[in-house]
Amino acid sequence: MILVTGGTGLVGAHLLLHLLQKNEAVRAIYRSEKTIEKTRNLFRSENQMDLFEKIEWIVADITDIPALEKAFQNVTQVYHCAALISFDTNDEALLRKVNIEGTANVVNCCIDFKVKKLCHVSSIAALGDVKEGETIITEETEWNPEKNHGDYALTKYGAETEVWRGSQEGLEVVIVNPGVIFGKGFGTAGSGELLQKIQKGFPFYTKGFTGITAVDDVVKIMIQLMNSSISGERFTIVSENIIFQNLLNTIADAMQKKRPYIYARPFMTSLYWRMDWLFSKLFFQKQKFTRATSKSSHSTEIYDNSKVINTLNFNFQPMKEYLTIVSQAYQKVQ
């Protein structure tokens, strides 16, 4: 039996679909019936409702150990996709509870129930920090605790620490560090927020780099790694390093919307995150733009994906075509 945490999220839902297409027995945890709906809609859009009915759903939360233990009965593999994604500084405590404490619970259950292998979905945010004069980030780039990191990055790094602890205690583990993940079926969640902004005519762009990838490639790599003898390794999953301006233009062109036309210079984004922080305090609303996101929007660092390509002989799909498909699919359901 394969257990998937986060089966109601973008990666987890697509992973369930791929596993079931391979005739695997799968179990997924969920917190409320409402959260299953997007996963159900994904299977429906792919005409795979017969496979959806084969999922064994169990009510559980990775921060609730008794419920989690029930989900681990007779499990041989675990894909840990559950995580909280937030860049709001007010969510620091919740980020730590879900991403670090929750991952520790999953690791402990894996050890207690003698699970054969764990795949942990991390993020490029948890990779290391380049030294002065360097621009390329690999799986071996060292994390610098002296540098300023956002709460999300800190908690994803902390979650990885828990996975490595499990490895030291004898658990077979692999970690994947995806870039910004695009995929169909999840509306404004995650990268869907970018699609929503362009749909509404977002005017701003920056010239920093980010790493992007297709959800289908992410789950294919995860399955390959889990079915291999590879253990104690992590892999950067980035199909392409792309300038934010080009990314937004590609989405705008696919949606036949106006391209962003105002260059948000570093001083502008620096001013904006401070204003957003102030408004969040005054009006008790979530931060939409933080110091960390301001910095990353102008980053010149690029992510090296050669390890996963060489290890698995993997070919990433072209992102321009994929972004067009995802953007147009988003428009159809709005």
Protein backbone atom coordinates (compact mmCIF):
# COMPACT_ATOMS: atom_id res chain seq x y z
CA MET A 1 0.00 0.00 0.00
CA ILE A 2 1.26 3.48 -0.92
CA LEU A 3 0.35 6.45 1.30
CA VAL A 4 0.15 9.96 -0.12
CA THR A 5 -0.01 12.95 2.22
CA GLY A 6 -1.27 16.12 0.60
CA GLY A 7 -3.41 14.15 -1.84
CA THR A 8 -5.80 17.10 -2.12
CA GLY A 9 -3.07 19.44 -3.40
CA LEU A 10 -1.62 19.96 -6.88
CA VAL A 11 1.31 17.54 -6.63
CA GLY A 12 -0.50 14.97 -4.50
CA ALA A 13 -3.56 14.81 -6.76
CA HIS A 14 -1.53 14.40 -9.94
CA LEU A 15 0.64 11.83 -8.16
CA LEU A 16 -2.44 9.80 -7.21
CA LEU A 17 -3.55 9.85 -10.84
CA HIS A 18 -0.17 8.62 -12.10
CA LEU A 19 0.10 5.91 -9.44
CA LEU A 20 -3.38 4.59 -10.15
CA GLN A 21 -2.64 4.53 -13.87
CA LYS A 22 0.18 2.15 -12.92
CA ASN A 23 -2.30 -0.04 -11.01
CA GLU A 24 -0.83 0.80 -7.61
CA ALA A 25 -2.89 0.49 -4.41
CA VAL A 26 -3.04 3.98 -2.92
CA ARG A 27 -4.28 5.61 0.26
CA ALA A 28 -4.56 9.35 0.76
CA ILE A 29 -5.28 11.46 3.81
CA TYR A 30 -7.62 14.44 3.88
CA ARG A 31 -8.91 16.86 6.49
CA SER A 32 -12.43 17.54 5.23
CA GLU A 33 -14.68 16.26 2.45
CA LYS A 34 -14.58 19.66 0.77
CA THR A 35 -10.80 19.43 0.19
CA ILE A 36 -11.21 16.28 -1.91
CA GLU A 37 -13.27 18.10 -4.54
CA LYS A 38 -10.34 19.46 -6.59
CA THR A 39 -8.76 16.01 -6.73
CA ARG A 40 -12.08 14.58 -7.86
CA ASN A 41 -12.37 17.30 -10.52
CA LEU A 42 -8.89 16.52 -11.82
CA PHE A 43 -9.76 12.85 -12.29
CA ARG A 44 -13.06 13.85 -13.89
CA SER A 45 -11.32 16.17 -16.37
CA GLU A 46 -9.03 13.30 -17.35
CA ASN A 47 -11.97 10.87 -17.71
CA GLN A 48 -10.51 8.72 -14.94
CA MET A 49 -13.33 8.62 -12.40
CA ASP A 50 -13.06 4.83 -12.29
CA LEU A 51 -9.54 5.27 -10.93
CA PHE A 52 -10.62 7.95 -8.46
CA GLU A 53 -12.99 5.45 -6.86
CA LYS A 54 -10.01 3.21 -6.08
CA ILE A 55 -8.41 5.74 -3.73
CA GLU A 56 -8.68 4.78 -0.06
CA TRP A 57 -9.35 8.07 1.72
CA ILE A 58 -8.63 8.41 5.44
CA VAL A 59 -9.40 11.46 7.56
CA ALA A 60 -6.10 12.54 9.12
CA ASP A 61 -3.75 15.46 9.57
CA ILE A 62 0.03 15.28 9.68
CA THR A 63 -0.05 17.25 12.93
CA ASP A 64 -2.46 14.73 14.53
CA ILE A 65 -0.37 11.69 15.47
CA PRO A 66 -3.19 9.27 16.50
CA ALA A 67 -5.07 9.84 13.23
CA LEU A 68 -1.83 9.66 11.25
CA GLU A 69 -0.94 6.31 12.80
CA LYS A 70 -4.19 4.82 11.49
CA ALA A 71 -3.26 5.91 7.97
CA PHE A 72 0.10 4.12 8.20
CA GLN A 73 -1.31 0.63 8.70
CA ASN A 74 0.21 -1.80 6.13
CA VAL A 75 1.95 1.02 4.21
CA THR A 76 5.19 0.22 2.34
CA GLN A 77 5.91 3.55 0.61
CA VAL A 78 5.09 7.14 1.58
CA TYR A 79 5.00 10.21 -0.64
CA HIS A 80 4.98 13.22 1.67
CA CYS A 81 3.44 16.03 -0.39
CA ALA A 82 1.56 17.83 2.39
CA ALA A 83 2.87 21.27 3.32
CA LEU A 84 1.72 24.79 4.04
CA ILE A 85 2.73 27.35 1.43
CA SER A 86 2.55 30.87 2.77
CA PHE A 87 4.77 33.93 2.58
CA ASP A 88 2.84 35.83 5.22
CA THR A 89 5.04 36.56 8.24
CA ASN A 90 1.95 36.18 10.45
CA ASP A 91 1.88 32.47 9.56
CA GLU A 92 5.31 31.68 11.05
CA ALA A 93 3.98 29.51 13.88
CA LEU A 94 1.61 27.59 11.61
CA LEU A 95 4.35 27.07 9.01
CA ARG A 96 6.60 25.57 11.68
CA LYS A 97 3.85 23.33 12.99
CA VAL A 98 2.80 21.95 9.60
CA ASN A 99 6.07 21.88 7.69
CA ILE A 100 8.54 20.92 10.42
CA GLU A 101 6.49 19.23 13.14
CA GLY A 102 4.21 17.58 10.59
CA THR A 103 7.18 16.19 8.64
CA ALA A 104 8.75 14.94 11.88
CA ASN A 105 5.50 13.05 12.59
CA VAL A 106 5.53 11.50 9.12
CA VAL A 107 9.16 10.45 9.50
CA ASN A 108 8.53 8.95 12.94
CA CYS A 109 5.55 6.98 11.64
CA CYS A 110 7.63 5.72 8.73
CA ILE A 111 10.20 4.40 11.19
CA ASP A 112 7.65 2.97 13.64
CA PHE A 113 5.65 1.20 10.92
CA LYS A 114 8.77 0.01 9.08
CA VAL A 115 7.96 1.80 5.84
CA LYS A 116 10.41 0.82 3.10
CA LYS A 117 10.91 4.24 1.56
CA LEU A 118 9.88 7.88 1.89
CA CYS A 119 9.78 10.55 -0.82
CA HIS A 120 9.64 14.06 0.60
CA VAL A 121 8.52 16.99 -1.54
CA SER A 122 10.62 19.98 -0.56
CA SER A 123 11.29 23.14 -2.58
CA ILE A 124 14.06 25.07 -4.31
CA ALA A 125 13.53 27.52 -1.43
CA ALA A 126 15.29 24.97 0.81
CA LEU A 127 18.39 24.70 -1.38
CA GLY A 128 21.60 26.47 -0.40
CA ASP A 129 22.87 30.01 -0.83
CA VAL A 130 25.47 30.90 -3.45
CA LYS A 131 28.68 32.54 -2.40
CA GLU A 132 29.69 35.97 -3.68
CA GLY A 133 30.42 35.86 -7.39
CA GLU A 134 28.49 32.60 -7.93
CA THR A 135 25.09 32.23 -9.61
CA ILE A 136 24.42 28.48 -9.96
CA ILE A 137 22.63 26.56 -7.21
CA THR A 138 22.99 22.77 -7.04
CA GLU A 139 21.94 20.11 -4.54
CA GLU A 140 25.36 20.54 -2.91
CA THR A 141 25.18 24.31 -2.41
CA GLU A 142 25.47 24.97 1.31
CA TRP A 143 22.71 26.63 3.32
CA ASN A 144 23.94 29.83 4.96
CA PRO A 145 22.12 30.42 8.28
CA GLU A 146 23.49 33.98 8.39
CA LYS A 147 21.51 35.01 5.31
CA ASN A 148 17.96 36.28 5.46
CA HIS A 149 15.45 33.58 4.56
CA GLY A 150 11.67 33.79 4.55
CA ASP A 151 9.65 31.68 7.00
CA TYR A 152 8.52 29.33 4.24
CA ALA A 153 12.12 28.62 3.17
CA LEU A 154 13.23 28.16 6.79
CA THR A 155 10.48 25.65 7.51
CA LYS A 156 11.08 23.67 4.31
CA TYR A 157 14.76 23.49 5.24
CA GLY A 158 13.75 22.40 8.73
CA ALA A 159 11.50 19.72 7.24
CA GLU A 160 14.43 18.37 5.22
CA THR A 161 16.45 18.17 8.44
CA GLU A 162 13.77 15.87 9.86
CA VAL A 163 13.93 13.67 6.75
CA TRP A 164 17.73 13.39 7.02
CA ARG A 165 17.27 12.42 10.67
CA GLY A 166 15.05 9.59 9.50
CA SER A 167 17.72 8.55 7.02
CA GLN A 168 20.27 8.36 9.82
CA GLU A 169 17.88 6.09 11.71
CA GLY A 170 17.75 3.65 8.81
CA LEU A 171 14.83 4.92 6.73
CA GLU A 172 15.35 4.99 2.97
CA VAL A 173 14.59 8.52 1.75
CA VAL A 174 14.69 10.68 -1.35
CA ILE A 175 13.99 14.40 -1.44
CA VAL A 176 12.82 16.39 -4.46
CA ASN A 177 13.21 20.17 -4.66
CA PRO A 178 10.83 21.46 -7.32
CA GLY A 179 10.77 24.99 -8.64
CA VAL A 180 7.48 26.83 -9.21
CA ILE A 181 5.09 24.03 -10.20
CA PHE A 182 2.48 24.53 -12.91
CA GLY A 183 -0.38 22.14 -13.55
CA LYS A 184 -4.04 21.89 -14.42
CA GLY A 185 -7.00 21.65 -12.12
CA PHE A 186 -6.17 23.74 -9.04
CA GLY A 187 -7.37 27.24 -9.82
CA THR A 188 -5.58 30.00 -7.92
CA ALA A 189 -3.66 27.68 -5.59
CA GLY A 190 0.13 27.99 -5.78
CA SER A 191 1.25 29.04 -9.25
CA GLY A 192 -2.41 29.54 -10.15
CA GLU A 193 -2.15 32.93 -8.48
CA LEU A 194 0.10 34.07 -11.35
CA LEU A 195 -2.51 32.91 -13.86
CA GLN A 196 -5.19 34.82 -11.98
CA LYS A 197 -3.12 38.01 -11.96
CA ILE A 198 -2.48 37.89 -15.69
CA GLN A 199 -6.14 37.11 -16.32
CA LYS A 200 -7.01 40.33 -14.46
CA GLY A 201 -4.44 42.41 -16.34
CA PHE A 202 -1.50 42.53 -13.91
CA PRO A 203 0.79 45.34 -15.21
CA PHE A 204 4.09 44.70 -13.40
CA TYR A 205 7.09 42.55 -14.23
CA THR A 206 10.63 42.06 -12.92
CA LYS A 207 13.78 40.76 -14.57
CA GLY A 208 14.87 38.24 -11.97
CA PHE A 209 15.07 34.50 -12.63
CA THR A 210 13.02 31.67 -11.23
CA GLY A 211 12.94 27.92 -11.82
CA ILE A 212 9.72 26.43 -13.18
CA THR A 213 8.50 22.92 -13.84
CA ALA A 214 5.46 20.90 -14.90
CA VAL A 215 3.62 18.90 -12.25
CA ASP A 216 3.61 15.87 -14.56
CA ASP A 217 7.42 15.90 -14.64
CA VAL A 218 7.59 16.26 -10.87
CA VAL A 219 5.46 13.19 -10.19
CA LYS A 220 7.15 11.10 -12.89
CA ILE A 221 10.53 11.80 -11.29
CA MET A 222 9.18 11.03 -7.81
CA ILE A 223 7.86 7.65 -8.94
CA GLN A 224 11.09 6.79 -10.75
CA LEU A 225 13.14 7.65 -7.67
CA MET A 226 10.90 5.61 -5.38
CA ASN A 227 11.10 2.58 -7.66
CA SER A 228 14.89 2.81 -7.85
CA SER A 229 17.61 1.79 -5.42
CA ILE A 230 18.52 5.46 -4.89
CA SER A 231 18.40 6.60 -1.26
CA GLY A 232 19.83 9.43 0.81
CA GLU A 233 19.81 11.85 -2.13
CA ARG A 234 17.95 14.98 -3.12
CA PHE A 235 17.20 16.28 -6.60
CA THR A 236 16.47 19.71 -8.00
CA ILE A 237 13.43 19.54 -10.28
CA VAL A 238 13.51 22.55 -12.55
CA SER A 239 12.56 22.23 -16.20
CA GLU A 240 13.73 25.71 -17.07
CA ASN A 241 15.24 28.81 -15.50
CA ILE A 242 13.20 31.71 -16.82
CA ILE A 243 13.11 35.48 -16.41
CA PHE A 244 9.91 36.57 -14.67
CA GLN A 245 9.14 38.94 -17.53
CA ASN A 246 9.28 36.09 -20.06
CA LEU A 247 7.20 33.83 -17.84
CA LEU A 248 4.45 36.43 -17.46
CA ASN A 249 4.55 37.24 -21.17
CA THR A 250 4.14 33.56 -22.08
CA ILE A 251 1.07 33.27 -19.86
CA ALA A 252 -0.37 36.54 -21.16
CA ASP A 253 0.09 35.46 -24.79
CA ALA A 254 -1.58 32.11 -24.11
CA MET A 255 -4.56 33.89 -22.53
CA GLN A 256 -4.57 36.59 -25.21
CA LYS A 257 -4.18 39.21 -22.51
CA LYS A 258 -2.02 42.33 -22.44
CA ARG A 259 1.55 41.66 -21.42
CA PRO A 260 2.76 43.27 -18.18
CA TYR A 261 4.28 46.61 -19.21
CA ILE A 262 5.66 48.30 -16.08
CA TYR A 263 9.14 47.30 -14.93
CA ALA A 264 9.06 47.00 -11.12
CA ARG A 265 12.58 48.04 -10.21
CA PRO A 266 14.19 46.82 -6.97
CA PHE A 267 13.41 50.04 -5.11
CA MET A 268 9.75 49.71 -6.11
CA THR A 269 9.36 46.15 -4.86
CA SER A 270 11.29 47.08 -1.71
CA LEU A 271 8.83 49.90 -1.04
CA TYR A 272 5.85 47.70 -1.89
CA TRP A 273 6.67 44.90 0.58
CA ARG A 274 7.01 47.46 3.37
CA MET A 275 3.66 49.01 2.50
CA ASP A 276 2.07 45.56 2.28
CA TRP A 277 3.48 44.67 5.71
CA LEU A 278 2.06 47.88 7.19
CA PHE A 279 -1.39 47.31 5.67
CA SER A 280 -1.43 43.73 6.93
CA LYS A 281 -0.89 45.00 10.47
CA LEU A 282 -3.37 47.87 10.22
CA PHE A 283 -6.18 45.96 8.54
CA PHE A 284 -5.49 42.42 9.86
CA GLN A 285 -5.06 40.97 6.38
CA LYS A 286 -2.59 38.48 4.97
CA GLN A 287 0.64 39.74 3.46
CA LYS A 288 0.69 39.27 -0.29
CA PHE A 289 4.27 40.43 -0.88
CA THR A 290 7.16 40.05 1.55
CA ARG A 291 10.80 40.98 1.83
CA ALA A 292 11.76 37.46 0.70
CA THR A 293 9.53 37.58 -2.39
CA SER A 294 10.81 41.05 -3.23
CA LYS A 295 14.37 39.77 -3.13
CA SER A 296 13.61 36.63 -5.15
CA SER A 297 11.82 38.62 -7.86
CA HIS A 298 15.16 40.19 -8.79
CA SER A 299 17.37 37.14 -8.22
CA THR A 300 19.99 36.28 -10.84
CA GLU A 301 20.58 32.80 -9.42
CA ILE A 302 19.79 29.77 -11.56
CA TYR A 303 19.11 26.15 -10.58
CA ASP A 304 21.14 23.28 -12.00
CA ASN A 305 18.95 20.31 -12.98
CA SER A 306 21.76 18.15 -14.37
CA LYS A 307 21.75 15.69 -11.46
CA VAL A 308 18.23 14.42 -12.06
CA ILE A 309 18.70 14.45 -15.86
CA ASN A 310 21.89 12.39 -15.65
CA THR A 311 20.73 10.06 -12.86
CA LEU A 312 17.39 9.13 -14.40
CA ASN A 313 18.14 9.95 -18.05
CA PHE A 314 15.11 12.22 -17.76
CA ASN A 315 13.81 14.56 -20.45
CA PHE A 316 11.80 17.54 -19.22
CA GLN A 317 8.92 18.64 -21.41
CA PRO A 318 9.17 22.10 -23.04
CA MET A 319 7.66 24.63 -20.68
CA LYS A 320 6.42 27.16 -23.24
CA GLU A 321 3.99 24.64 -24.72
CA TYR A 322 3.02 23.35 -21.29
CA LEU A 323 2.38 26.85 -19.91
CA THR A 324 0.13 27.54 -22.89
CA ILE A 325 -1.91 24.40 -22.18
CA VAL A 326 -2.21 25.17 -18.46
CA SER A 327 -3.06 28.84 -19.03
CA GLN A 328 -5.79 28.05 -21.53
CA ALA A 329 -7.19 25.31 -19.29
CA TYR A 330 -7.34 27.83 -16.44
CA GLN A 331 -9.32 30.25 -18.58
CA LYS A 332 -11.90 27.65 -19.50
CA VAL A 333 -12.94 27.02 -15.90
CA GLN A 334 -13.06 30.67 -14.80
